[in-house]
Amino acid sequence: MADLFSRHSGHHEQMDSEWGVAAVRHRRQHSATGSAWLCVFQRLETAWLEFCALVLPTECVSCGLADVALCEACSGGLRLLCAHPARADASAPALTDVDGSTLLPVVAAGPYREALAAAILAFKNHGRTDVAPHLAGILAAALARAPALLNPEAVGAVFLVPVPGSAGSFRRRGYQPVELLLGILLRRKVLGHGRVIRNGLRPRFRRPWRRRAQKKLGRSARRANVRNSLVVPRRSARRLVGQSVIIVDDVLTTGATLSESARALTEIGAIVRGAVVLAAVPATSPVRATPPVQVNSRWTQLKN
């Protein structure tokens, strides 16, 4: 009887081992298949872009030179403009407390002017996704510089949370600009160790007669317009609780959108270390240099 039981147990162990090997083999095949399909997709995407460049006329988004998305001169000007990412929260009134202290530190890749402004406008408003690789490069430089400028505690594992556009903007463009740029960095494998992209914000539903475009509003109206406009989905909330987060957006103007993003993330228990943007609209007075500060304390007080 014992011999029969041992043979029976051995048979089950052999089956479990075979099933385990088969499962590992299946996962490897599935991973290899996914990588192969990704490679095929990237090649098709490159071929399609080259075909469009051949058939459809294109010009430099900054100076208008034919047959290039961004000419060498404008590309050099863009790199020079964004050579030194810097803190830009002092120019955003929504991110500054009444006593002048910083509520949320923000790093900008460059000032919103010249080639950078032209590239962002073309990318967001005119479907010029061919300039996305150039913008992704300067965003990568700003993200790399962010830990030193934001807070030493942001050096470890950090979730990068892009600010979503409105549903109407997505229908008009067909893509989310910030998510597209982060996707390029992910494929290039230049995000850095411990950086994870998490689409943790979602626009709250609003009735059509309550929707207003931010770019048409003044400073106070912008803050009122975005108040309670963002929410963190339940699935993302579970993964972001207690995690360090850096918010990523395209342009910093008054800081109202970043302030609302920080509120929504802090409300579910995330630790917002700061934000990174492509460009910051310069204030009337020069942006002062500010040392790294202890962030998230104000948000925690508001929450409590």
C-alpha atoms as a PDB file:
ATOM      1  CA  MET A   1       0.000   0.000   0.000  1.00  0.00           C
ATOM      2  CA  ALA A   2       2.829   2.341   0.904  1.00  0.00           C
ATOM      3  CA  ASP A   3       4.605   1.420  -2.297  1.00  0.00           C
ATOM      4  CA  LEU A   4       1.460   2.209  -4.282  1.00  0.00           C
ATOM      5  CA  PHE A   5       1.121   5.544  -2.496  1.00  0.00           C
ATOM      6  CA  SER A   6       4.758   6.452  -3.210  1.00  0.00           C
ATOM      7  CA  ARG A   7       4.349   5.577  -6.880  1.00  0.00           C
ATOM      8  CA  HIS A   8       1.173   7.658  -6.995  1.00  0.00           C
ATOM      9  CA  SER A   9       2.928  10.626  -5.332  1.00  0.00           C
ATOM     10  CA  GLY A  10       5.892  10.306  -7.651  1.00  0.00           C
ATOM     11  CA  HIS A  11       3.559  10.314 -10.637  1.00  0.00           C
ATOM     12  CA  HIS A  12       1.935  13.548  -9.423  1.00  0.00           C
ATOM     13  CA  GLU A  13       5.316  15.159  -8.756  1.00  0.00           C
ATOM     14  CA  GLN A  14       6.410  14.259 -12.279  1.00  0.00           C
ATOM     15  CA  MET A  15       3.212  15.750 -13.699  1.00  0.00           C
ATOM     16  CA  ASP A  16       3.665  18.932 -11.630  1.00  0.00           C
ATOM     17  CA  SER A  17       7.244  19.225 -12.846  1.00  0.00           C
ATOM     18  CA  GLU A  18       6.191  18.730 -16.446  1.00  0.00           C
ATOM     19  CA  TRP A  19       3.414  21.297 -16.068  1.00  0.00           C
ATOM     20  CA  GLY A  20       5.869  23.767 -14.504  1.00  0.00           C
ATOM     21  CA  VAL A  21       8.341  23.328 -17.353  1.00  0.00           C
ATOM     22  CA  ALA A  22       5.530  23.730 -19.862  1.00  0.00           C
ATOM     23  CA  ALA A  23       4.337  26.920 -18.137  1.00  0.00           C
ATOM     24  CA  VAL A  24       7.831  28.442 -18.162  1.00  0.00           C
ATOM     25  CA  ARG A  25       8.262  27.463 -21.819  1.00  0.00           C
ATOM     26  CA  HIS A  26       4.881  29.047 -22.637  1.00  0.00           C
ATOM     27  CA  ARG A  27       5.818  32.286 -20.878  1.00  0.00           C
ATOM     28  CA  ARG A  28       9.114  32.450 -22.739  1.00  0.00           C
ATOM     29  CA  GLN A  29       7.415  31.814 -26.058  1.00  0.00           C
ATOM     30  CA  HIS A  30       4.770  34.427 -25.248  1.00  0.00           C
ATOM     31  CA  SER A  31       7.464  36.968 -24.294  1.00  0.00           C
ATOM     32  CA  ALA A  32       9.445  36.247 -27.447  1.00  0.00           C
ATOM     33  CA  THR A  33       6.296  36.550 -29.542  1.00  0.00           C
ATOM     34  CA  GLY A  34       5.450  39.898 -27.900  1.00  0.00           C
ATOM     35  CA  SER A  35       8.951  41.216 -28.537  1.00  0.00           C
ATOM     36  CA  ALA A  36       8.781  40.073 -32.161  1.00  0.00           C
ATOM     37  CA  TRP A  37       5.431  41.799 -32.681  1.00  0.00           C
ATOM     38  CA  LEU A  38       6.772  44.981 -31.056  1.00  0.00           C
ATOM     39  CA  CYS A  39       9.759  44.928 -33.406  1.00  0.00           C
ATOM     40  CA  VAL A  40       7.457  44.431 -36.394  1.00  0.00           C
ATOM     41  CA  PHE A  41       5.213  47.270 -35.241  1.00  0.00           C
ATOM     42  CA  GLN A  42       8.156  49.645 -34.830  1.00  0.00           C
ATOM     43  CA  ARG A  43       9.450  48.807 -38.309  1.00  0.00           C
ATOM     44  CA  LEU A  44       6.004  49.341 -39.817  1.00  0.00           C
ATOM     45  CA  GLU A  45       5.692  52.635 -37.956  1.00  0.00           C
ATOM     46  CA  THR A  46       9.070  53.802 -39.270  1.00  0.00           C
ATOM     47  CA  ALA A  47       8.176  52.747 -42.803  1.00  0.00           C
ATOM     48  CA  TRP A  48       4.829  54.554 -42.600  1.00  0.00           C
ATOM     49  CA  LEU A  49       6.465  57.770 -41.365  1.00  0.00           C
ATOM     50  CA  GLU A  50       9.034  57.622 -44.168  1.00  0.00           C
ATOM     51  CA  PHE A  51       6.231  57.044 -46.693  1.00  0.00           C
ATOM     52  CA  CYS A  52       4.287  60.028 -45.355  1.00  0.00           C
ATOM     53  CA  ALA A  53       7.418  62.185 -45.506  1.00  0.00           C
ATOM     54  CA  LEU A  54       7.863  61.151 -49.155  1.00  0.00           C
ATOM     55  CA  VAL A  55       4.260  61.633 -50.280  1.00  0.00           C
ATOM     56  CA  LEU A  56       3.033  64.456 -48.051  1.00  0.00           C
ATOM     57  CA  PRO A  57       4.833  67.807 -47.956  1.00  0.00           C
ATOM     58  CA  THR A  58       6.402  68.689 -44.622  1.00  0.00           C
ATOM     59  CA  GLU A  59       8.356  71.624 -43.298  1.00  0.00           C
ATOM     60  CA  CYS A  60      10.312  72.672 -40.230  1.00  0.00           C
ATOM     61  CA  VAL A  61       7.882  73.553 -37.447  1.00  0.00           C
ATOM     62  CA  SER A  62       9.991  76.559 -36.492  1.00  0.00           C
ATOM     63  CA  CYS A  63      11.403  78.196 -39.636  1.00  0.00           C
ATOM     64  CA  GLY A  64       9.402  76.495 -42.420  1.00  0.00           C
ATOM     65  CA  LEU A  65      12.318  74.833 -44.227  1.00  0.00           C
ATOM     66  CA  ALA A  66      10.988  72.135 -46.569  1.00  0.00           C
ATOM     67  CA  ASP A  67      11.294  68.344 -46.155  1.00  0.00           C
ATOM     68  CA  VAL A  68      12.331  68.277 -42.479  1.00  0.00           C
ATOM     69  CA  ALA A  69      10.383  68.183 -39.228  1.00  0.00           C
ATOM     70  CA  LEU A  70      13.005  70.294 -37.486  1.00  0.00           C
ATOM     71  CA  CYS A  71      15.969  71.644 -39.439  1.00  0.00           C
ATOM     72  CA  GLU A  72      19.533  71.487 -38.142  1.00  0.00           C
ATOM     73  CA  ALA A  73      19.625  75.165 -37.204  1.00  0.00           C
ATOM     74  CA  CYS A  74      16.343  75.018 -35.274  1.00  0.00           C
ATOM     75  CA  SER A  75      17.287  71.695 -33.705  1.00  0.00           C
ATOM     76  CA  GLY A  76      20.537  73.249 -32.489  1.00  0.00           C
ATOM     77  CA  GLY A  77      18.607  76.220 -31.115  1.00  0.00           C
ATOM     78  CA  LEU A  78      16.224  73.847 -29.339  1.00  0.00           C
ATOM     79  CA  ARG A  79      19.099  71.962 -27.712  1.00  0.00           C
ATOM     80  CA  LEU A  80      20.717  75.235 -26.658  1.00  0.00           C
ATOM     81  CA  LEU A  81      17.437  76.521 -25.228  1.00  0.00           C
ATOM     82  CA  CYS A  82      17.001  73.333 -23.181  1.00  0.00           C
ATOM     83  CA  ALA A  83      20.647  72.765 -22.265  1.00  0.00           C
ATOM     84  CA  HIS A  84      20.076  73.578 -18.592  1.00  0.00           C
ATOM     85  CA  PRO A  85      16.769  72.345 -17.101  1.00  0.00           C
ATOM     86  CA  ALA A  86      15.887  74.480 -14.108  1.00  0.00           C
ATOM     87  CA  ARG A  87      13.303  75.044 -11.410  1.00  0.00           C
ATOM     88  CA  ALA A  88      10.289  76.975 -12.688  1.00  0.00           C
ATOM     89  CA  ASP A  89       7.699  76.831  -9.879  1.00  0.00           C
ATOM     90  CA  ALA A  90       8.386  80.459  -8.862  1.00  0.00           C
ATOM     91  CA  SER A  91       6.657  81.612 -12.059  1.00  0.00           C
ATOM     92  CA  ALA A  92       3.451  79.679 -11.255  1.00  0.00           C
ATOM     93  CA  PRO A  93       1.169  81.451  -8.741  1.00  0.00           C
ATOM     94  CA  ALA A  94      -0.909  78.318  -8.086  1.00  0.00           C
ATOM     95  CA  LEU A  95       2.208  76.544  -6.798  1.00  0.00           C
ATOM     96  CA  THR A  96       3.284  79.301  -4.399  1.00  0.00           C
ATOM     97  CA  ASP A  97       1.838  79.739  -0.916  1.00  0.00           C
ATOM     98  CA  VAL A  98       0.818  83.103   0.535  1.00  0.00           C
ATOM     99  CA  ASP A  99       4.120  83.336   2.419  1.00  0.00           C
ATOM    100  CA  GLY A 100       6.111  82.746  -0.774  1.00  0.00           C
ATOM    101  CA  SER A 101       7.052  79.133  -0.017  1.00  0.00           C
ATOM    102  CA  THR A 102       6.861  76.473  -2.708  1.00  0.00           C
ATOM    103  CA  LEU A 103       3.905  74.093  -2.626  1.00  0.00           C
ATOM    104  CA  LEU A 104       5.140  71.886  -5.467  1.00  0.00           C
ATOM    105  CA  PRO A 105       8.631  72.095  -7.013  1.00  0.00           C
ATOM    106  CA  VAL A 106       8.694  71.928 -10.807  1.00  0.00           C
ATOM    107  CA  VAL A 107      11.578  71.347 -13.207  1.00  0.00           C
ATOM    108  CA  ALA A 108      11.207  72.730 -16.749  1.00  0.00           C
ATOM    109  CA  ALA A 109      13.298  71.558 -19.693  1.00  0.00           C
ATOM    110  CA  GLY A 110      13.334  75.105 -21.042  1.00  0.00           C
ATOM    111  CA  PRO A 111      11.409  78.378 -21.405  1.00  0.00           C
ATOM    112  CA  TYR A 112       8.293  78.448 -23.553  1.00  0.00           C
ATOM    113  CA  ARG A 113       9.611  80.488 -26.489  1.00  0.00           C
ATOM    114  CA  GLU A 114      11.290  80.281 -29.899  1.00  0.00           C
ATOM    115  CA  ALA A 115      11.863  76.767 -31.259  1.00  0.00           C
ATOM    116  CA  LEU A 116      10.552  75.020 -28.148  1.00  0.00           C
ATOM    117  CA  ALA A 117       7.225  76.849 -28.233  1.00  0.00           C
ATOM    118  CA  ALA A 118       6.869  76.234 -31.975  1.00  0.00           C
ATOM    119  CA  ALA A 119       7.602  72.510 -31.593  1.00  0.00           C
ATOM    120  CA  ILE A 120       5.137  72.063 -28.721  1.00  0.00           C
ATOM    121  CA  LEU A 121       2.364  73.938 -30.535  1.00  0.00           C
ATOM    122  CA  ALA A 122       2.891  71.917 -33.711  1.00  0.00           C
ATOM    123  CA  PHE A 123       2.989  68.659 -31.731  1.00  0.00           C
ATOM    124  CA  LYS A 124      -0.151  69.392 -29.696  1.00  0.00           C
ATOM    125  CA  ASN A 125      -2.361  71.397 -32.032  1.00  0.00           C
ATOM    126  CA  HIS A 126      -1.370  70.404 -35.563  1.00  0.00           C
ATOM    127  CA  GLY A 127      -0.683  66.671 -35.344  1.00  0.00           C
ATOM    128  CA  ARG A 128       3.054  67.040 -36.002  1.00  0.00           C
ATOM    129  CA  THR A 129       4.089  63.835 -34.253  1.00  0.00           C
ATOM    130  CA  ASP A 130       7.282  63.846 -36.344  1.00  0.00           C
ATOM    131  CA  VAL A 131       8.776  66.307 -33.825  1.00  0.00           C
ATOM    132  CA  ALA A 132       7.986  63.959 -30.925  1.00  0.00           C
ATOM    133  CA  PRO A 133      11.496  62.379 -30.905  1.00  0.00           C
ATOM    134  CA  HIS A 134      13.060  65.839 -30.477  1.00  0.00           C
ATOM    135  CA  LEU A 135      10.709  66.715 -27.610  1.00  0.00           C
ATOM    136  CA  ALA A 136      11.220  63.300 -26.017  1.00  0.00           C
ATOM    137  CA  GLY A 137      14.961  63.933 -25.952  1.00  0.00           C
ATOM    138  CA  ILE A 138      14.663  67.192 -24.009  1.00  0.00           C
ATOM    139  CA  LEU A 139      12.079  65.620 -21.684  1.00  0.00           C
ATOM    140  CA  ALA A 140      14.568  62.826 -20.929  1.00  0.00           C
ATOM    141  CA  ALA A 141      17.204  65.425 -20.004  1.00  0.00           C
ATOM    142  CA  ALA A 142      14.780  67.177 -17.644  1.00  0.00           C
ATOM    143  CA  LEU A 143      13.797  63.876 -15.997  1.00  0.00           C
ATOM    144  CA  ALA A 144      17.455  63.000 -15.512  1.00  0.00           C
ATOM    145  CA  ARG A 145      18.067  66.370 -13.838  1.00  0.00           C
ATOM    146  CA  ALA A 146      14.905  66.240 -11.724  1.00  0.00           C
ATOM    147  CA  PRO A 147      16.165  64.372  -8.620  1.00  0.00           C
ATOM    148  CA  ALA A 148      18.916  66.904  -7.934  1.00  0.00           C
ATOM    149  CA  LEU A 149      16.563  69.874  -8.419  1.00  0.00           C
ATOM    150  CA  LEU A 150      13.448  68.529  -6.725  1.00  0.00           C
ATOM    151  CA  ASN A 151      14.372  66.555  -3.644  1.00  0.00           C
ATOM    152  CA  PRO A 152      17.061  64.029  -2.694  1.00  0.00           C
ATOM    153  CA  GLU A 153      14.327  61.588  -1.666  1.00  0.00           C
ATOM    154  CA  ALA A 154      13.163  61.370  -5.297  1.00  0.00           C
ATOM    155  CA  VAL A 155      16.279  59.446  -6.322  1.00  0.00           C
ATOM    156  CA  GLY A 156      14.877  55.979  -5.588  1.00  0.00           C
ATOM    157  CA  ALA A 157      11.982  54.179  -7.236  1.00  0.00           C
ATOM    158  CA  VAL A 158       9.627  56.788  -8.696  1.00  0.00           C
ATOM    159  CA  PHE A 159       6.362  56.539 -10.612  1.00  0.00           C
ATOM    160  CA  LEU A 160       6.045  58.967 -13.527  1.00  0.00           C
ATOM    161  CA  VAL A 161       2.404  60.036 -13.816  1.00  0.00           C
ATOM    162  CA  PRO A 162       1.485  61.993 -16.976  1.00  0.00           C
ATOM    163  CA  VAL A 163      -1.218  64.639 -16.834  1.00  0.00           C
ATOM    164  CA  PRO A 164      -4.021  63.550 -19.188  1.00  0.00           C
ATOM    165  CA  GLY A 165      -5.647  65.851 -21.703  1.00  0.00           C
ATOM    166  CA  SER A 166      -9.382  66.233 -21.972  1.00  0.00           C
ATOM    167  CA  ALA A 167     -11.513  63.702 -23.804  1.00  0.00           C
ATOM    168  CA  GLY A 168     -12.218  66.277 -26.517  1.00  0.00           C
ATOM    169  CA  SER A 169      -8.510  66.902 -27.054  1.00  0.00           C
ATOM    170  CA  PHE A 170      -7.874  63.183 -27.347  1.00  0.00           C
ATOM    171  CA  ARG A 171     -10.646  62.773 -29.925  1.00  0.00           C
ATOM    172  CA  ARG A 172      -9.270  65.699 -31.915  1.00  0.00           C
ATOM    173  CA  ARG A 173      -5.617  64.578 -31.838  1.00  0.00           C
ATOM    174  CA  GLY A 174      -5.906  60.819 -31.589  1.00  0.00           C
ATOM    175  CA  TYR A 175      -3.172  60.667 -28.934  1.00  0.00           C
ATOM    176  CA  GLN A 176      -2.182  61.978 -25.520  1.00  0.00           C
ATOM    177  CA  PRO A 177       0.945  64.145 -26.006  1.00  0.00           C
ATOM    178  CA  VAL A 178       2.716  63.470 -22.704  1.00  0.00           C
ATOM    179  CA  GLU A 179       1.964  59.741 -22.784  1.00  0.00           C
ATOM    180  CA  LEU A 180       3.305  59.557 -26.338  1.00  0.00           C
ATOM    181  CA  LEU A 181       6.599  61.187 -25.310  1.00  0.00           C
ATOM    182  CA  LEU A 182       6.997  58.900 -22.298  1.00  0.00           C
ATOM    183  CA  GLY A 183       6.298  55.910 -24.535  1.00  0.00           C
ATOM    184  CA  ILE A 184       9.167  56.959 -26.797  1.00  0.00           C
ATOM    185  CA  LEU A 185      11.501  57.162 -23.796  1.00  0.00           C
ATOM    186  CA  LEU A 186      10.335  53.745 -22.636  1.00  0.00           C
ATOM    187  CA  ARG A 187      11.134  52.197 -26.025  1.00  0.00           C
ATOM    188  CA  ARG A 188      14.519  53.900 -26.044  1.00  0.00           C
ATOM    189  CA  LYS A 189      15.159  52.551 -22.512  1.00  0.00           C
ATOM    190  CA  VAL A 190      16.349  55.929 -21.246  1.00  0.00           C
ATOM    191  CA  LEU A 191      13.934  56.432 -18.357  1.00  0.00           C
ATOM    192  CA  GLY A 192      16.549  55.311 -15.858  1.00  0.00           C
ATOM    193  CA  HIS A 193      16.565  52.693 -13.135  1.00  0.00           C
ATOM    194  CA  GLY A 194      13.508  52.658 -10.899  1.00  0.00           C
ATOM    195  CA  ARG A 195      11.363  54.868 -13.160  1.00  0.00           C
ATOM    196  CA  VAL A 196       7.927  53.402 -13.893  1.00  0.00           C
ATOM    197  CA  ILE A 197       5.237  55.042 -16.030  1.00  0.00           C
ATOM    198  CA  ARG A 198       1.787  54.884 -14.474  1.00  0.00           C
ATOM    199  CA  ASN A 199      -1.272  56.490 -16.068  1.00  0.00           C
ATOM    200  CA  GLY A 200      -2.733  57.256 -12.681  1.00  0.00           C
ATOM    201  CA  LEU A 201      -4.878  60.297 -13.484  1.00  0.00           C
ATOM    202  CA  ARG A 202      -8.162  60.491 -15.325  1.00  0.00           C
ATOM    203  CA  PRO A 203     -10.384  63.502 -16.110  1.00  0.00           C
ATOM    204  CA  ARG A 204     -13.566  63.535 -14.090  1.00  0.00           C
ATOM    205  CA  PHE A 205     -16.735  63.539 -16.163  1.00  0.00           C
ATOM    206  CA  ARG A 206     -18.198  66.978 -16.686  1.00  0.00           C
ATOM    207  CA  ARG A 207     -21.365  68.045 -18.382  1.00  0.00           C
ATOM    208  CA  PRO A 208     -20.754  69.741 -21.742  1.00  0.00           C
ATOM    209  CA  TRP A 209     -21.950  73.161 -20.567  1.00  0.00           C
ATOM    210  CA  ARG A 210     -19.405  73.061 -17.702  1.00  0.00           C
ATOM    211  CA  ARG A 211     -16.390  72.338 -19.921  1.00  0.00           C
ATOM    212  CA  ARG A 212     -14.098  75.279 -20.635  1.00  0.00           C
ATOM    213  CA  ALA A 213     -10.719  75.324 -22.389  1.00  0.00           C
ATOM    214  CA  GLN A 214      -7.859  76.325 -20.079  1.00  0.00           C
ATOM    215  CA  LYS A 215      -5.990  78.344 -22.702  1.00  0.00           C
ATOM    216  CA  LYS A 216      -8.873  80.806 -23.009  1.00  0.00           C
ATOM    217  CA  LEU A 217      -9.020  81.624 -19.283  1.00  0.00           C
ATOM    218  CA  GLY A 218      -7.201  83.976 -16.948  1.00  0.00           C
ATOM    219  CA  ARG A 219      -5.220  82.956 -13.870  1.00  0.00           C
ATOM    220  CA  SER A 220      -8.031  82.810 -11.321  1.00  0.00           C
ATOM    221  CA  ALA A 221     -10.435  81.271 -13.830  1.00  0.00           C
ATOM    222  CA  ARG A 222      -7.901  78.527 -14.646  1.00  0.00           C
ATOM    223  CA  ARG A 223      -7.699  77.486 -11.014  1.00  0.00           C
ATOM    224  CA  ALA A 224     -11.465  77.420 -10.664  1.00  0.00           C
ATOM    225  CA  ASN A 225     -11.851  75.512 -13.926  1.00  0.00           C
ATOM    226  CA  VAL A 226      -9.592  72.603 -12.945  1.00  0.00           C
ATOM    227  CA  ARG A 227     -10.703  72.312  -9.320  1.00  0.00           C
ATOM    228  CA  ASN A 228     -11.759  68.677  -8.660  1.00  0.00           C
ATOM    229  CA  SER A 229     -11.398  67.913 -12.379  1.00  0.00           C
ATOM    230  CA  LEU A 230      -9.028  64.935 -11.966  1.00  0.00           C
ATOM    231  CA  VAL A 231      -9.476  61.603 -10.239  1.00  0.00           C
ATOM    232  CA  VAL A 232      -7.261  58.557  -9.650  1.00  0.00           C
ATOM    233  CA  PRO A 233      -8.923  55.287 -10.759  1.00  0.00           C
ATOM    234  CA  ARG A 234      -9.246  52.638  -8.041  1.00  0.00           C
ATOM    235  CA  ARG A 235      -6.854  50.206  -9.725  1.00  0.00           C
ATOM    236  CA  SER A 236      -4.125  52.839 -10.040  1.00  0.00           C
ATOM    237  CA  ALA A 237      -4.779  54.085  -6.506  1.00  0.00           C
ATOM    238  CA  ARG A 238      -3.923  50.687  -5.012  1.00  0.00           C
ATOM    239  CA  ARG A 239      -0.546  50.716  -6.786  1.00  0.00           C
ATOM    240  CA  LEU A 240       0.337  54.321  -5.962  1.00  0.00           C
ATOM    241  CA  VAL A 241      -0.412  54.329  -2.231  1.00  0.00           C
ATOM    242  CA  GLY A 242       2.770  55.191  -0.363  1.00  0.00           C
ATOM    243  CA  GLN A 243       4.806  55.468  -3.588  1.00  0.00           C
ATOM    244  CA  SER A 244       6.944  58.398  -4.697  1.00  0.00           C
ATOM    245  CA  VAL A 245       5.440  60.165  -7.697  1.00  0.00           C
ATOM    246  CA  ILE A 246       6.677  62.750 -10.186  1.00  0.00           C
ATOM    247  CA  ILE A 247       3.985  64.405 -12.294  1.00  0.00           C
ATOM    248  CA  VAL A 248       4.822  64.987 -15.975  1.00  0.00           C
ATOM    249  CA  ASP A 249       3.128  67.666 -18.087  1.00  0.00           C
ATOM    250  CA  ASP A 250       3.835  69.650 -21.247  1.00  0.00           C
ATOM    251  CA  VAL A 251       3.578  73.373 -20.428  1.00  0.00           C
ATOM    252  CA  LEU A 252       3.570  75.180 -17.084  1.00  0.00           C
ATOM    253  CA  THR A 253       1.591  78.428 -17.037  1.00  0.00           C
ATOM    254  CA  THR A 254      -0.187  79.213 -13.757  1.00  0.00           C
ATOM    255  CA  GLY A 255       0.385  75.754 -12.250  1.00  0.00           C
ATOM    256  CA  ALA A 256      -3.343  75.135 -11.740  1.00  0.00           C
ATOM    257  CA  THR A 257      -3.322  71.779 -13.546  1.00  0.00           C
ATOM    258  CA  LEU A 258      -0.261  70.528 -11.648  1.00  0.00           C
ATOM    259  CA  SER A 259      -1.814  71.681  -8.382  1.00  0.00           C
ATOM    260  CA  GLU A 260      -4.979  69.718  -9.136  1.00  0.00           C
ATOM    261  CA  SER A 261      -2.931  66.664 -10.148  1.00  0.00           C
ATOM    262  CA  ALA A 262      -0.986  66.793  -6.883  1.00  0.00           C
ATOM    263  CA  ARG A 263      -4.216  67.107  -4.901  1.00  0.00           C
ATOM    264  CA  ALA A 264      -5.769  64.048  -6.556  1.00  0.00           C
ATOM    265  CA  LEU A 265      -2.643  61.913  -6.073  1.00  0.00           C
ATOM    266  CA  THR A 266      -2.027  62.971  -2.481  1.00  0.00           C
ATOM    267  CA  GLU A 267      -5.651  62.304  -1.638  1.00  0.00           C
ATOM    268  CA  ILE A 268      -5.218  58.573  -2.365  1.00  0.00           C
ATOM    269  CA  GLY A 269      -1.956  58.331  -0.406  1.00  0.00           C
ATOM    270  CA  ALA A 270       0.738  58.896  -3.038  1.00  0.00           C
ATOM    271  CA  ILE A 271       3.835  60.931  -2.119  1.00  0.00           C
ATOM    272  CA  VAL A 272       4.192  63.686  -4.714  1.00  0.00           C
ATOM    273  CA  ARG A 273       7.869  64.659  -4.950  1.00  0.00           C
ATOM    274  CA  GLY A 274       7.449  67.273  -7.672  1.00  0.00           C
ATOM    275  CA  ALA A 275       6.755  67.726 -11.363  1.00  0.00           C
ATOM    276  CA  VAL A 276       8.629  67.878 -14.667  1.00  0.00           C
ATOM    277  CA  VAL A 277       7.413  69.858 -17.685  1.00  0.00           C
ATOM    278  CA  LEU A 278       8.665  70.428 -21.204  1.00  0.00           C
ATOM    279  CA  ALA A 279       8.420  74.209 -20.999  1.00  0.00           C
ATOM    280  CA  ALA A 280       7.490  76.957 -18.580  1.00  0.00           C
ATOM    281  CA  VAL A 281       5.923  80.249 -19.579  1.00  0.00           C
ATOM    282  CA  PRO A 282       8.320  82.895 -18.223  1.00  0.00           C
ATOM    283  CA  ALA A 283       7.004  85.210 -15.546  1.00  0.00           C
ATOM    284  CA  THR A 284       7.219  88.981 -15.868  1.00  0.00           C
ATOM    285  CA  SER A 285      10.076  88.923 -13.353  1.00  0.00           C
ATOM    286  CA  PRO A 286      13.088  86.569 -13.614  1.00  0.00           C
ATOM    287  CA  VAL A 287      12.655  83.136 -12.079  1.00  0.00           C
ATOM    288  CA  ARG A 288      14.677  83.008  -8.891  1.00  0.00           C
ATOM    289  CA  ALA A 289      16.941  80.069  -8.138  1.00  0.00           C
ATOM    290  CA  THR A 290      15.592  78.043  -5.228  1.00  0.00           C
ATOM    291  CA  PRO A 291      17.294  75.227  -3.327  1.00  0.00           C
ATOM    292  CA  PRO A 292      15.703  71.786  -2.900  1.00  0.00           C
ATOM    293  CA  VAL A 293      12.849  71.960  -0.418  1.00  0.00           C
ATOM    294  CA  GLN A 294      10.857  69.508   1.644  1.00  0.00           C
ATOM    295  CA  VAL A 295       7.786  68.886  -0.495  1.00  0.00           C
ATOM    296  CA  ASN A 296       4.381  67.351   0.083  1.00  0.00           C
ATOM    297  CA  SER A 297       4.076  68.811   3.590  1.00  0.00           C
ATOM    298  CA  ARG A 298       1.494  71.345   2.437  1.00  0.00           C
ATOM    299  CA  TRP A 299      -0.498  68.701   0.606  1.00  0.00           C
ATOM    300  CA  THR A 300      -0.432  66.493   3.700  1.00  0.00           C
ATOM    301  CA  GLN A 301      -1.731  69.373   5.842  1.00  0.00           C
ATOM    302  CA  LEU A 302      -4.531  70.019   3.380  1.00  0.00           C
ATOM    303  CA  LYS A 303      -5.427  66.328   3.394  1.00  0.00           C
ATOM    304  CA  ASN A 304      -5.523  66.151   7.189  1.00  0.00           C
END
